[in-house]
PDB file of N, CA and C in Angstrom:
ATOM      1  N   UNK A   1      -0.724 -13.338   4.642  1.00  0.00           N
ATOM      2  CA  UNK A   1      -2.136 -13.318   4.930  1.00  0.00           C
ATOM      3  C   UNK A   1      -2.861 -14.156   3.876  1.00  0.00           C
ATOM      4  N   UNK A   2      -3.698 -15.061   4.316  1.00  0.00           N
ATOM      5  CA  UNK A   2      -4.422 -15.956   3.422  1.00  0.00           C
ATOM      6  C   UNK A   2      -5.612 -15.224   2.785  1.00  0.00           C
ATOM      7  N   UNK A   3      -5.776 -15.312   1.442  1.00  0.00           N
ATOM      8  CA  UNK A   3      -6.916 -14.644   0.804  1.00  0.00           C
ATOM      9  C   UNK A   3      -8.232 -15.285   1.232  1.00  0.00           C
ATOM     10  N   UNK A   4      -9.256 -14.446   1.327  1.00  0.00           N
ATOM     11  CA  UNK A   4     -10.581 -14.899   1.728  1.00  0.00           C
ATOM     12  C   UNK A   4     -11.562 -14.530   0.625  1.00  0.00           C
ATOM     13  N   UNK A   5     -12.356 -15.485   0.182  1.00  0.00           N
ATOM     14  CA  UNK A   5     -13.387 -15.194  -0.814  1.00  0.00           C
ATOM     15  C   UNK A   5     -14.612 -14.624  -0.109  1.00  0.00           C
ATOM     16  N   UNK A   6     -15.184 -13.596  -0.696  1.00  0.00           N
ATOM     17  CA  UNK A   6     -16.326 -12.903  -0.102  1.00  0.00           C
ATOM     18  C   UNK A   6     -17.574 -13.173  -0.938  1.00  0.00           C
ATOM     19  N   UNK A   7     -18.649 -13.536  -0.288  1.00  0.00           N
ATOM     20  CA  UNK A   7     -19.925 -13.723  -0.986  1.00  0.00           C
ATOM     21  C   UNK A   7     -20.530 -12.362  -1.318  1.00  0.00           C
ATOM     22  N   UNK A   8     -21.087 -12.197  -2.524  1.00  0.00           N
ATOM     23  CA  UNK A   8     -21.793 -10.954  -2.844  1.00  0.00           C
ATOM     24  C   UNK A   8     -22.929 -10.737  -1.846  1.00  0.00           C
ATOM     25  N   UNK A   9     -23.114  -9.491  -1.436  1.00  0.00           N
ATOM     26  CA  UNK A   9     -24.177  -9.163  -0.487  1.00  0.00           C
ATOM     27  C   UNK A   9     -23.802  -9.405   0.962  1.00  0.00           C
ATOM     28  N   UNK A  10     -22.552  -9.768   1.217  1.00  0.00           N
ATOM     29  CA  UNK A  10     -22.121 -10.045   2.582  1.00  0.00           C
ATOM     30  C   UNK A  10     -22.106  -8.778   3.433  1.00  0.00           C
ATOM     31  N   UNK A  11     -21.812  -7.635   2.796  1.00  0.00           N
ATOM     32  CA  UNK A  11     -21.752  -6.354   3.505  1.00  0.00           C
ATOM     33  C   UNK A  11     -22.882  -5.451   3.055  1.00  0.00           C
ATOM     34  N   UNK A  12     -23.320  -4.599   3.950  1.00  0.00           N
ATOM     35  CA  UNK A  12     -24.382  -3.638   3.641  1.00  0.00           C
ATOM     36  C   UNK A  12     -23.918  -2.656   2.565  1.00  0.00           C
ATOM     37  N   UNK A  13     -22.669  -2.200   2.689  1.00  0.00           N
ATOM     38  CA  UNK A  13     -22.091  -1.264   1.722  1.00  0.00           C
ATOM     39  C   UNK A  13     -20.572  -1.324   1.832  1.00  0.00           C
ATOM     40  N   UNK A  14     -19.901  -0.529   1.026  1.00  0.00           N
ATOM     41  CA  UNK A  14     -18.432  -0.554   1.002  1.00  0.00           C
ATOM     42  C   UNK A  14     -17.821  -0.045   2.302  1.00  0.00           C
ATOM     43  N   UNK A  15     -18.482   0.894   2.936  1.00  0.00           N
ATOM     44  CA  UNK A  15     -17.956   1.407   4.205  1.00  0.00           C
ATOM     45  C   UNK A  15     -17.952   0.308   5.267  1.00  0.00           C
ATOM     46  N   UNK A  16     -19.027  -0.471   5.308  1.00  0.00           N
ATOM     47  CA  UNK A  16     -19.061  -1.582   6.261  1.00  0.00           C
ATOM     48  C   UNK A  16     -17.943  -2.587   5.943  1.00  0.00           C
ATOM     49  N   UNK A  17     -17.731  -2.857   4.669  1.00  0.00           N
ATOM     50  CA  UNK A  17     -16.652  -3.763   4.266  1.00  0.00           C
ATOM     51  C   UNK A  17     -15.307  -3.223   4.752  1.00  0.00           C
ATOM     52  N   UNK A  18     -15.110  -1.910   4.652  1.00  0.00           N
ATOM     53  CA  UNK A  18     -13.874  -1.291   5.133  1.00  0.00           C
ATOM     54  C   UNK A  18     -13.694  -1.444   6.628  1.00  0.00           C
ATOM     55  N   UNK A  19     -14.782  -1.303   7.381  1.00  0.00           N
ATOM     56  CA  UNK A  19     -14.689  -1.459   8.838  1.00  0.00           C
ATOM     57  C   UNK A  19     -14.324  -2.900   9.213  1.00  0.00           C
ATOM     58  N   UNK A  20     -14.917  -3.861   8.505  1.00  0.00           N
ATOM     59  CA  UNK A  20     -14.602  -5.271   8.765  1.00  0.00           C
ATOM     60  C   UNK A  20     -13.139  -5.552   8.409  1.00  0.00           C
ATOM     61  N   UNK A  21     -12.690  -5.042   7.272  1.00  0.00           N
ATOM     62  CA  UNK A  21     -11.302  -5.220   6.863  1.00  0.00           C
ATOM     63  C   UNK A  21     -10.357  -4.582   7.877  1.00  0.00           C
ATOM     64  N   UNK A  22     -10.712  -3.410   8.360  1.00  0.00           N
ATOM     65  CA  UNK A  22      -9.865  -2.722   9.346  1.00  0.00           C
ATOM     66  C   UNK A  22      -9.698  -3.552  10.609  1.00  0.00           C
ATOM     67  N   UNK A  23     -10.743  -4.246  11.026  1.00  0.00           N
ATOM     68  CA  UNK A  23     -10.630  -5.114  12.200  1.00  0.00           C
ATOM     69  C   UNK A  23      -9.583  -6.202  11.963  1.00  0.00           C
ATOM     70  N   UNK A  24      -9.571  -6.736  10.750  1.00  0.00           N
ATOM     71  CA  UNK A  24      -8.618  -7.806  10.421  1.00  0.00           C
ATOM     72  C   UNK A  24      -7.189  -7.279  10.292  1.00  0.00           C
ATOM     73  N   UNK A  25      -7.047  -5.981  10.048  1.00  0.00           N
ATOM     74  CA  UNK A  25      -5.729  -5.365   9.893  1.00  0.00           C
ATOM     75  C   UNK A  25      -5.290  -4.599  11.141  1.00  0.00           C
ATOM     76  N   UNK A  26      -5.954  -4.830  12.248  1.00  0.00           N
ATOM     77  CA  UNK A  26      -5.698  -4.069  13.479  1.00  0.00           C
ATOM     78  C   UNK A  26      -4.232  -4.100  13.912  1.00  0.00           C
ATOM     79  N   UNK A  27      -3.509  -5.131  13.579  1.00  0.00           N
ATOM     80  CA  UNK A  27      -2.091  -5.218  13.962  1.00  0.00           C
ATOM     81  C   UNK A  27      -1.261  -4.105  13.322  1.00  0.00           C
ATOM     82  N   UNK A  28      -1.791  -3.480  12.270  1.00  0.00           N
ATOM     83  CA  UNK A  28      -1.071  -2.403  11.574  1.00  0.00           C
ATOM     84  C   UNK A  28      -1.442  -1.009  12.091  1.00  0.00           C
ATOM     85  N   UNK A  29      -2.264  -0.935  13.099  1.00  0.00           N
ATOM     86  CA  UNK A  29      -2.735   0.357  13.615  1.00  0.00           C
ATOM     87  C   UNK A  29      -1.590   1.181  14.199  1.00  0.00           C
ATOM     88  N   UNK A  30      -1.662   2.481  13.913  1.00  0.00           N
ATOM     89  CA  UNK A  30      -0.743   3.478  14.482  1.00  0.00           C
ATOM     90  C   UNK A  30       0.730   3.200  14.192  1.00  0.00           C
ATOM     91  N   UNK A  31       1.007   2.559  13.087  1.00  0.00           N
ATOM     92  CA  UNK A  31       2.392   2.326  12.687  1.00  0.00           C
ATOM     93  C   UNK A  31       2.806   3.415  11.703  1.00  0.00           C
ATOM     94  N   UNK A  32       4.009   3.958  11.860  1.00  0.00           N
ATOM     95  CA  UNK A  32       4.441   5.034  10.966  1.00  0.00           C
ATOM     96  C   UNK A  32       4.760   4.561   9.543  1.00  0.00           C
ATOM     97  N   UNK A  33       4.909   3.251   9.352  1.00  0.00           N
ATOM     98  CA  UNK A  33       5.264   2.729   8.032  1.00  0.00           C
ATOM     99  C   UNK A  33       4.053   2.231   7.229  1.00  0.00           C
ATOM    100  N   UNK A  34       2.850   2.581   7.676  1.00  0.00           N
ATOM    101  CA  UNK A  34       1.638   2.113   6.996  1.00  0.00           C
ATOM    102  C   UNK A  34       0.985   3.255   6.232  1.00  0.00           C
ATOM    103  N   UNK A  35       0.629   2.973   4.999  1.00  0.00           N
ATOM    104  CA  UNK A  35      -0.112   3.898   4.141  1.00  0.00           C
ATOM    105  C   UNK A  35      -1.218   3.097   3.483  1.00  0.00           C
ATOM    106  N   UNK A  36      -2.429   3.629   3.491  1.00  0.00           N
ATOM    107  CA  UNK A  36      -3.553   2.957   2.844  1.00  0.00           C
ATOM    108  C   UNK A  36      -3.747   3.588   1.472  1.00  0.00           C
ATOM    109  N   UNK A  37      -3.675   2.758   0.424  1.00  0.00           N
ATOM    110  CA  UNK A  37      -3.893   3.226  -0.947  1.00  0.00           C
ATOM    111  C   UNK A  37      -5.274   2.801  -1.409  1.00  0.00           C
ATOM    112  N   UNK A  38      -6.003   3.729  -1.997  1.00  0.00           N
ATOM    113  CA  UNK A  38      -7.342   3.443  -2.501  1.00  0.00           C
ATOM    114  C   UNK A  38      -7.355   3.520  -4.016  1.00  0.00           C
ATOM    115  N   UNK A  39      -8.094   2.630  -4.644  1.00  0.00           N
ATOM    116  CA  UNK A  39      -8.324   2.687  -6.079  1.00  0.00           C
ATOM    117  C   UNK A  39      -9.726   3.238  -6.303  1.00  0.00           C
ATOM    118  N   UNK A  40      -9.839   4.342  -7.077  1.00  0.00           N
ATOM    119  CA  UNK A  40     -11.179   4.851  -7.349  1.00  0.00           C
ATOM    120  C   UNK A  40     -11.945   3.842  -8.185  1.00  0.00           C
ATOM    121  N   UNK A  41     -13.127   3.874  -8.149  1.00  0.00           N
ATOM    122  CA  UNK A  41     -14.051   4.631  -7.358  1.00  0.00           C
ATOM    123  C   UNK A  41     -14.477   3.816  -6.161  1.00  0.00           C
ATOM    124  N   UNK A  42     -14.754   2.554  -6.354  1.00  0.00           N
ATOM    125  CA  UNK A  42     -15.282   1.748  -5.258  1.00  0.00           C
ATOM    126  C   UNK A  42     -14.346   1.518  -4.106  1.00  0.00           C
ATOM    127  N   UNK A  43     -13.052   1.610  -4.326  1.00  0.00           N
ATOM    128  CA  UNK A  43     -12.103   1.343  -3.251  1.00  0.00           C
ATOM    129  C   UNK A  43     -11.934   2.469  -2.262  1.00  0.00           C
ATOM    130  N   UNK A  44     -12.350   3.673  -2.622  1.00  0.00           N
ATOM    131  CA  UNK A  44     -12.141   4.818  -1.735  1.00  0.00           C
ATOM    132  C   UNK A  44     -12.945   4.703  -0.438  1.00  0.00           C
ATOM    133  N   UNK A  45     -14.240   4.373  -0.480  1.00  0.00           N
ATOM    134  CA  UNK A  45     -14.971   4.239   0.794  1.00  0.00           C
ATOM    135  C   UNK A  45     -14.407   3.121   1.678  1.00  0.00           C
ATOM    136  N   UNK A  46     -13.960   2.041   1.077  1.00  0.00           N
ATOM    137  CA  UNK A  46     -13.364   0.936   1.838  1.00  0.00           C
ATOM    138  C   UNK A  46     -12.066   1.422   2.479  1.00  0.00           C
ATOM    139  N   UNK A  47     -11.200   2.013   1.685  1.00  0.00           N
ATOM    140  CA  UNK A  47      -9.895   2.465   2.177  1.00  0.00           C
ATOM    141  C   UNK A  47     -10.035   3.563   3.230  1.00  0.00           C
ATOM    142  N   UNK A  48     -11.032   4.435   3.065  1.00  0.00           N
ATOM    143  CA  UNK A  48     -11.241   5.500   4.051  1.00  0.00           C
ATOM    144  C   UNK A  48     -11.485   4.900   5.432  1.00  0.00           C
ATOM    145  N   UNK A  49     -12.354   3.901   5.490  1.00  0.00           N
ATOM    146  CA  UNK A  49     -12.667   3.280   6.783  1.00  0.00           C
ATOM    147  C   UNK A  49     -11.443   2.573   7.360  1.00  0.00           C
ATOM    148  N   UNK A  50     -10.653   1.935   6.502  1.00  0.00           N
ATOM    149  CA  UNK A  50      -9.438   1.258   6.961  1.00  0.00           C
ATOM    150  C   UNK A  50      -8.453   2.288   7.507  1.00  0.00           C
ATOM    151  N   UNK A  51      -8.213   3.346   6.747  1.00  0.00           N
ATOM    152  CA  UNK A  51      -7.253   4.374   7.175  1.00  0.00           C
ATOM    153  C   UNK A  51      -7.691   5.030   8.485  1.00  0.00           C
ATOM    154  N   UNK A  52      -8.972   5.326   8.596  1.00  0.00           N
ATOM    155  CA  UNK A  52      -9.492   5.965   9.818  1.00  0.00           C
ATOM    156  C   UNK A  52      -9.280   5.054  11.019  1.00  0.00           C
ATOM    157  N   UNK A  53      -9.635   3.785  10.874  1.00  0.00           N
ATOM    158  CA  UNK A  53      -9.516   2.851  11.993  1.00  0.00           C
ATOM    159  C   UNK A  53      -8.059   2.580  12.377  1.00  0.00           C
ATOM    160  N   UNK A  54      -7.183   2.567  11.389  1.00  0.00           N
ATOM    161  CA  UNK A  54      -5.773   2.273  11.676  1.00  0.00           C
ATOM    162  C   UNK A  54      -4.973   3.513  12.055  1.00  0.00           C
ATOM    163  N   UNK A  55      -5.564   4.685  11.898  1.00  0.00           N
ATOM    164  CA  UNK A  55      -4.821   5.914  12.160  1.00  0.00           C
ATOM    165  C   UNK A  55      -3.707   6.096  11.144  1.00  0.00           C
ATOM    166  N   UNK A  56      -3.978   5.693   9.921  1.00  0.00           N
ATOM    167  CA  UNK A  56      -2.963   5.738   8.862  1.00  0.00           C
ATOM    168  C   UNK A  56      -3.351   6.764   7.807  1.00  0.00           C
ATOM    169  N   UNK A  57      -2.369   7.337   7.117  1.00  0.00           N
ATOM    170  CA  UNK A  57      -2.695   8.252   6.016  1.00  0.00           C
ATOM    171  C   UNK A  57      -3.342   7.481   4.860  1.00  0.00           C
ATOM    172  N   UNK A  58      -4.165   8.199   4.114  1.00  0.00           N
ATOM    173  CA  UNK A  58      -4.878   7.640   2.972  1.00  0.00           C
ATOM    174  C   UNK A  58      -4.457   8.379   1.722  1.00  0.00           C
ATOM    175  N   UNK A  59      -4.184   7.634   0.660  1.00  0.00           N
ATOM    176  CA  UNK A  59      -3.873   8.239  -0.632  1.00  0.00           C
ATOM    177  C   UNK A  59      -4.659   7.490  -1.693  1.00  0.00           C
ATOM    178  N   UNK A  60      -4.856   8.140  -2.825  1.00  0.00           N
ATOM    179  CA  UNK A  60      -5.606   7.543  -3.920  1.00  0.00           C
ATOM    180  C   UNK A  60      -4.652   7.283  -5.074  1.00  0.00           C
ATOM    181  N   UNK A  61      -4.706   6.078  -5.605  1.00  0.00           N
ATOM    182  CA  UNK A  61      -3.882   5.671  -6.738  1.00  0.00           C
ATOM    183  C   UNK A  61      -4.807   5.609  -7.951  1.00  0.00           C
ATOM    184  N   UNK A  62      -4.677   6.581  -8.837  1.00  0.00           N
ATOM    185  CA  UNK A  62      -5.570   6.686  -9.983  1.00  0.00           C
ATOM    186  C   UNK A  62      -5.067   5.781 -11.109  1.00  0.00           C
ATOM    187  N   UNK A  63      -5.945   4.913 -11.595  1.00  0.00           N
ATOM    188  CA  UNK A  63      -5.611   3.962 -12.643  1.00  0.00           C
ATOM    189  C   UNK A  63      -6.663   4.049 -13.737  1.00  0.00           C
ATOM    190  N   UNK A  64      -6.215   4.012 -14.974  1.00  0.00           N
ATOM    191  CA  UNK A  64      -7.146   3.997 -16.100  1.00  0.00           C
ATOM    192  C   UNK A  64      -6.920   2.720 -16.902  1.00  0.00           C
ATOM    193  N   UNK A  65      -7.980   1.939 -17.031  1.00  0.00           N
ATOM    194  CA  UNK A  65      -7.907   0.703 -17.808  1.00  0.00           C
ATOM    195  C   UNK A  65      -7.888   1.040 -19.290  1.00  0.00           C
ATOM    196  N   UNK A  66      -7.075   0.323 -20.036  1.00  0.00           N
ATOM    197  CA  UNK A  66      -7.044   0.465 -21.484  1.00  0.00           C
ATOM    198  C   UNK A  66      -7.666  -0.784 -22.082  1.00  0.00           C
ATOM    199  N   UNK A  67      -8.783  -0.604 -22.785  1.00  0.00           N
ATOM    200  CA  UNK A  67      -9.495  -1.743 -23.345  1.00  0.00           C
ATOM    201  C   UNK A  67      -8.999  -2.123 -24.726  1.00  0.00           C
ATOM    202  N   UNK A  68      -9.210  -3.369 -25.084  1.00  0.00           N
ATOM    203  CA  UNK A  68      -8.884  -3.876 -26.415  1.00  0.00           C
ATOM    204  C   UNK A  68      -9.826  -3.196 -27.412  1.00  0.00           C
ATOM    205  N   UNK A  69      -9.302  -2.661 -28.505  1.00  0.00           N
ATOM    206  CA  UNK A  69     -10.180  -2.010 -29.489  1.00  0.00           C
ATOM    207  C   UNK A  69     -11.290  -2.956 -29.946  1.00  0.00           C
ATOM    208  N   UNK A  70     -12.514  -2.468 -29.860  1.00  0.00           N
ATOM    209  CA  UNK A  70     -13.676  -3.266 -30.226  1.00  0.00           C
ATOM    210  C   UNK A  70     -14.187  -4.139 -29.099  1.00  0.00           C
ATOM    211  N   UNK A  71     -13.393  -4.289 -28.037  1.00  0.00           N
ATOM    212  CA  UNK A  71     -13.764  -5.095 -26.864  1.00  0.00           C
ATOM    213  C   UNK A  71     -13.335  -4.314 -25.621  1.00  0.00           C
ATOM    214  N   UNK A  72     -13.834  -3.120 -25.466  1.00  0.00           N
ATOM    215  CA  UNK A  72     -13.334  -2.186 -24.454  1.00  0.00           C
ATOM    216  C   UNK A  72     -13.371  -2.728 -23.021  1.00  0.00           C
ATOM    217  N   UNK A  73     -14.281  -3.667 -22.737  1.00  0.00           N
ATOM    218  CA  UNK A  73     -14.333  -4.216 -21.380  1.00  0.00           C
ATOM    219  C   UNK A  73     -13.192  -5.184 -21.094  1.00  0.00           C
ATOM    220  N   UNK A  74     -12.520  -5.666 -22.121  1.00  0.00           N
ATOM    221  CA  UNK A  74     -11.378  -6.559 -21.948  1.00  0.00           C
ATOM    222  C   UNK A  74     -10.118  -5.710 -21.814  1.00  0.00           C
ATOM    223  N   UNK A  75      -9.489  -5.769 -20.663  1.00  0.00           N
ATOM    224  CA  UNK A  75      -8.301  -4.942 -20.418  1.00  0.00           C
ATOM    225  C   UNK A  75      -7.082  -5.479 -21.150  1.00  0.00           C
ATOM    226  N   UNK A  76      -6.365  -4.561 -21.779  1.00  0.00           N
ATOM    227  CA  UNK A  76      -5.085  -4.944 -22.387  1.00  0.00           C
ATOM    228  C   UNK A  76      -3.941  -4.199 -21.715  1.00  0.00           C
ATOM    229  N   UNK A  77      -4.271  -3.385 -20.721  1.00  0.00           N
ATOM    230  CA  UNK A  77      -3.244  -2.654 -20.010  1.00  0.00           C
ATOM    231  C   UNK A  77      -3.862  -1.590 -19.128  1.00  0.00           C
ATOM    232  N   UNK A  78      -3.003  -0.846 -18.458  1.00  0.00           N
ATOM    233  CA  UNK A  78      -3.467   0.231 -17.581  1.00  0.00           C
ATOM    234  C   UNK A  78      -2.393   1.308 -17.504  1.00  0.00           C
ATOM    235  N   UNK A  79      -2.837   2.526 -17.257  1.00  0.00           N
ATOM    236  CA  UNK A  79      -1.948   3.657 -17.020  1.00  0.00           C
ATOM    237  C   UNK A  79      -2.319   4.168 -15.634  1.00  0.00           C
ATOM    238  N   UNK A  80      -1.312   4.469 -14.827  1.00  0.00           N
ATOM    239  CA  UNK A  80      -1.588   4.841 -13.442  1.00  0.00           C
ATOM    240  C   UNK A  80      -0.828   6.100 -13.040  1.00  0.00           C
ATOM    241  N   UNK A  81      -1.181   6.599 -11.874  1.00  0.00           N
ATOM    242  CA  UNK A  81      -0.536   7.744 -11.262  1.00  0.00           C
ATOM    243  C   UNK A  81       0.980   7.578 -11.321  1.00  0.00           C
ATOM    244  N   UNK A  82       1.678   8.644 -11.619  1.00  0.00           N
ATOM    245  CA  UNK A  82       3.130   8.610 -11.636  1.00  0.00           C
ATOM    246  C   UNK A  82       3.713   8.048 -12.920  1.00  0.00           C
ATOM    247  N   UNK A  83       2.880   7.900 -13.944  1.00  0.00           N
ATOM    248  CA  UNK A  83       3.371   7.411 -15.223  1.00  0.00           C
ATOM    249  C   UNK A  83       3.555   5.911 -15.303  1.00  0.00           C
ATOM    250  N   UNK A  84       3.012   5.184 -14.334  1.00  0.00           N
ATOM    251  CA  UNK A  84       3.113   3.723 -14.356  1.00  0.00           C
ATOM    252  C   UNK A  84       2.303   3.192 -15.532  1.00  0.00           C
ATOM    253  N   UNK A  85       2.921   2.320 -16.329  1.00  0.00           N
ATOM    254  CA  UNK A  85       2.248   1.714 -17.475  1.00  0.00           C
ATOM    255  C   UNK A  85       2.364   0.208 -17.340  1.00  0.00           C
ATOM    256  N   UNK A  86       1.245  -0.447 -17.400  1.00  0.00           N
ATOM    257  CA  UNK A  86       1.230  -1.905 -17.195  1.00  0.00           C
ATOM    258  C   UNK A  86       0.505  -2.579 -18.340  1.00  0.00           C
ATOM    259  N   UNK A  87       1.246  -3.206 -19.259  1.00  0.00           N
ATOM    260  CA  UNK A  87       0.569  -3.990 -20.294  1.00  0.00           C
ATOM    261  C   UNK A  87       0.047  -5.284 -19.685  1.00  0.00           C
ATOM    262  N   UNK A  88      -1.093  -5.699 -20.111  1.00  0.00           N
ATOM    263  CA  UNK A  88      -1.704  -6.940 -19.635  1.00  0.00           C
ATOM    264  C   UNK A  88      -1.899  -7.849 -20.830  1.00  0.00           C
ATOM    265  N   UNK A  89      -1.305  -9.024 -20.803  1.00  0.00           N
ATOM    266  CA  UNK A  89      -1.518  -9.898 -21.953  1.00  0.00           C
ATOM    267  C   UNK A  89      -2.994 -10.248 -22.066  1.00  0.00           C
ATOM    268  N   UNK A  90      -3.549 -10.198 -23.242  1.00  0.00           N
ATOM    269  CA  UNK A  90      -4.968 -10.549 -23.401  1.00  0.00           C
ATOM    270  C   UNK A  90      -5.258 -11.927 -22.821  1.00  0.00           C
ATOM    271  N   UNK A  91      -6.448 -12.064 -22.277  1.00  0.00           N
ATOM    272  CA  UNK A  91      -6.746 -13.244 -21.467  1.00  0.00           C
ATOM    273  C   UNK A  91      -7.505 -14.335 -22.197  1.00  0.00           C
ATOM    274  N   UNK A  92      -7.673 -14.239 -23.487  1.00  0.00           N
ATOM    275  CA  UNK A  92      -8.366 -15.305 -24.200  1.00  0.00           C
ATOM    276  C   UNK A  92      -7.503 -15.797 -25.349  1.00  0.00           C
ATOM    277  N   UNK A  93      -7.659 -17.062 -25.728  1.00  0.00           N
ATOM    278  CA  UNK A  93      -6.852 -17.588 -26.835  1.00  0.00           C
ATOM    279  C   UNK A  93      -7.037 -16.777 -28.114  1.00  0.00           C
ATOM    280  N   UNK A  94      -8.238 -16.293 -28.352  1.00  0.00           N
ATOM    281  CA  UNK A  94      -8.494 -15.518 -29.573  1.00  0.00           C
ATOM    282  C   UNK A  94      -7.579 -14.298 -29.645  1.00  0.00           C
ATOM    283  N   UNK A  95      -7.407 -13.602 -28.523  1.00  0.00           N
ATOM    284  CA  UNK A  95      -6.590 -12.389 -28.530  1.00  0.00           C
ATOM    285  C   UNK A  95      -5.099 -12.705 -28.498  1.00  0.00           C
ATOM    286  N   UNK A  96      -4.711 -13.844 -27.976  1.00  0.00           N
ATOM    287  CA  UNK A  96      -3.295 -14.221 -28.009  1.00  0.00           C
ATOM    288  C   UNK A  96      -2.823 -14.372 -29.444  1.00  0.00           C
ATOM    289  N   UNK A  97      -3.687 -14.906 -30.292  1.00  0.00           N
ATOM    290  CA  UNK A  97      -3.313 -15.115 -31.689  1.00  0.00           C
ATOM    291  C   UNK A  97      -3.177 -13.810 -32.455  1.00  0.00           C
ATOM    292  N   UNK A  98      -3.825 -12.757 -31.994  1.00  0.00           N
ATOM    293  CA  UNK A  98      -3.758 -11.499 -32.742  1.00  0.00           C
ATOM    294  C   UNK A  98      -2.893 -10.466 -32.021  1.00  0.00           C
ATOM    295  N   UNK A  99      -1.884 -10.937 -31.285  1.00  0.00           N
ATOM    296  CA  UNK A  99      -1.000 -10.042 -30.547  1.00  0.00           C
ATOM    297  C   UNK A  99      -0.323  -8.993 -31.408  1.00  0.00           C
ATOM    298  N   UNK A 100      -0.059  -9.334 -32.688  1.00  0.00           N
ATOM    299  CA  UNK A 100       0.613  -8.369 -33.564  1.00  0.00           C
ATOM    300  C   UNK A 100      -0.254  -7.133 -33.802  1.00  0.00           C
ATOM    301  N   UNK A 101      -1.582  -7.277 -33.684  1.00  0.00           N
ATOM    302  CA  UNK A 101      -2.461  -6.109 -33.832  1.00  0.00           C
ATOM    303  C   UNK A 101      -2.659  -5.384 -32.509  1.00  0.00           C
ATOM    304  N   UNK A 102      -2.581  -6.115 -31.407  1.00  0.00           N
ATOM    305  CA  UNK A 102      -2.837  -5.506 -30.098  1.00  0.00           C
ATOM    306  C   UNK A 102      -1.637  -4.684 -29.627  1.00  0.00           C
ATOM    307  N   UNK A 103      -0.407  -5.172 -29.867  1.00  0.00           N
ATOM    308  CA  UNK A 103       0.771  -4.441 -29.396  1.00  0.00           C
ATOM    309  C   UNK A 103       0.814  -3.007 -29.897  1.00  0.00           C
ATOM    310  N   UNK A 104       0.602  -2.746 -31.197  1.00  0.00           N
ATOM    311  CA  UNK A 104       0.597  -1.350 -31.644  1.00  0.00           C
ATOM    312  C   UNK A 104      -0.546  -0.540 -31.025  1.00  0.00           C
ATOM    313  N   UNK A 105      -1.702  -1.172 -30.849  1.00  0.00           N
ATOM    314  CA  UNK A 105      -2.831  -0.460 -30.225  1.00  0.00           C
ATOM    315  C   UNK A 105      -2.501  -0.099 -28.788  1.00  0.00           C
ATOM    316  N   UNK A 106      -1.845  -1.012 -28.078  1.00  0.00           N
ATOM    317  CA  UNK A 106      -1.459  -0.753 -26.693  1.00  0.00           C
ATOM    318  C   UNK A 106      -0.469   0.401 -26.626  1.00  0.00           C
ATOM    319  N   UNK A 107       0.530   0.407 -27.494  1.00  0.00           N
ATOM    320  CA  UNK A 107       1.516   1.494 -27.509  1.00  0.00           C
ATOM    321  C   UNK A 107       0.841   2.822 -27.794  1.00  0.00           C
ATOM    322  N   UNK A 108      -0.075   2.819 -28.746  1.00  0.00           N
ATOM    323  CA  UNK A 108      -0.801   4.036 -29.093  1.00  0.00           C
ATOM    324  C   UNK A 108      -1.617   4.541 -27.910  1.00  0.00           C
ATOM    325  N   UNK A 109      -2.283   3.632 -27.223  1.00  0.00           N
ATOM    326  CA  UNK A 109      -3.111   4.047 -26.076  1.00  0.00           C
ATOM    327  C   UNK A 109      -2.266   4.529 -24.919  1.00  0.00           C
ATOM    328  N   UNK A 110      -1.111   3.909 -24.681  1.00  0.00           N
ATOM    329  CA  UNK A 110      -0.225   4.398 -23.634  1.00  0.00           C
ATOM    330  C   UNK A 110       0.189   5.837 -23.922  1.00  0.00           C
ATOM    331  N   UNK A 111       0.487   6.136 -25.187  1.00  0.00           N
ATOM    332  CA  UNK A 111       0.884   7.506 -25.540  1.00  0.00           C
ATOM    333  C   UNK A 111      -0.275   8.481 -25.335  1.00  0.00           C
ATOM    334  N   UNK A 112      -1.474   8.072 -25.722  1.00  0.00           N
ATOM    335  CA  UNK A 112      -2.649   8.963 -25.630  1.00  0.00           C
ATOM    336  C   UNK A 112      -3.098   9.209 -24.207  1.00  0.00           C
ATOM    337  N   UNK A 113      -2.937   8.228 -23.341  1.00  0.00           N
ATOM    338  CA  UNK A 113      -3.492   8.318 -21.987  1.00  0.00           C
ATOM    339  C   UNK A 113      -2.422   8.527 -20.941  1.00  0.00           C
ATOM    340  N   UNK A 114      -1.539   9.441 -21.202  1.00  0.00           N
ATOM    341  CA  UNK A 114      -0.523   9.752 -20.199  1.00  0.00           C
ATOM    342  C   UNK A 114      -1.209  10.461 -19.034  1.00  0.00           C
ATOM    343  N   UNK A 115      -0.897  10.050 -17.796  1.00  0.00           N
ATOM    344  CA  UNK A 115      -1.503  10.717 -16.651  1.00  0.00           C
ATOM    345  C   UNK A 115      -1.069  12.184 -16.611  1.00  0.00           C
ATOM    346  N   UNK A 116      -1.998  13.041 -16.257  1.00  0.00           N
ATOM    347  CA  UNK A 116      -1.697  14.453 -16.106  1.00  0.00           C
ATOM    348  C   UNK A 116      -1.018  14.673 -14.762  1.00  0.00           C
ATOM    349  N   UNK A 117      -0.087  15.617 -14.679  1.00  0.00           N
ATOM    350  CA  UNK A 117       0.566  15.891 -13.397  1.00  0.00           C
ATOM    351  C   UNK A 117      -0.486  16.323 -12.366  1.00  0.00           C
ATOM    352  N   UNK A 118      -0.273  15.876 -11.133  1.00  0.00           N
ATOM    353  CA  UNK A 118      -1.205  16.224 -10.058  1.00  0.00           C
ATOM    354  C   UNK A 118      -1.141  17.725  -9.786  1.00  0.00           C
ATOM    355  N   UNK A 119      -2.309  18.308  -9.567  1.00  0.00           N
ATOM    356  CA  UNK A 119      -2.359  19.729  -9.178  1.00  0.00           C
ATOM    357  C   UNK A 119      -2.336  19.823  -7.673  1.00  0.00           C
ATOM    358  N   UNK A 120      -1.592  20.741  -7.158  1.00  0.00           N
ATOM    359  CA  UNK A 120      -1.509  20.907  -5.693  1.00  0.00           C
ATOM    360  C   UNK A 120      -1.965  22.277  -5.303  1.00  0.00           C
TER     361      UNK A 120
END
């Protein structure tokens, strides 16, 4: 499937975006091998509309971004549902040069932010 760039303001809200996406994914409707995964928070309304239209189960994949110390908006990794840990190499030349300081911080944050077991 070819990626499509979306202009900001193209949809009224996330639910409308989900309905439009569901139309494009109609070939996957009512298939037993389809599962719609949502990323909180903004992805849930989109995924709900897709799952409803396709007749597919919906699940939420919880992910927590780990920010670079002092630059919290810059992601250096993520921890996700099921203990998934994903280091992300820093995206600027400045942070590439200081990798020796970021690696220990990343390890420390992975230890601190272990996902809690799901309650049922």
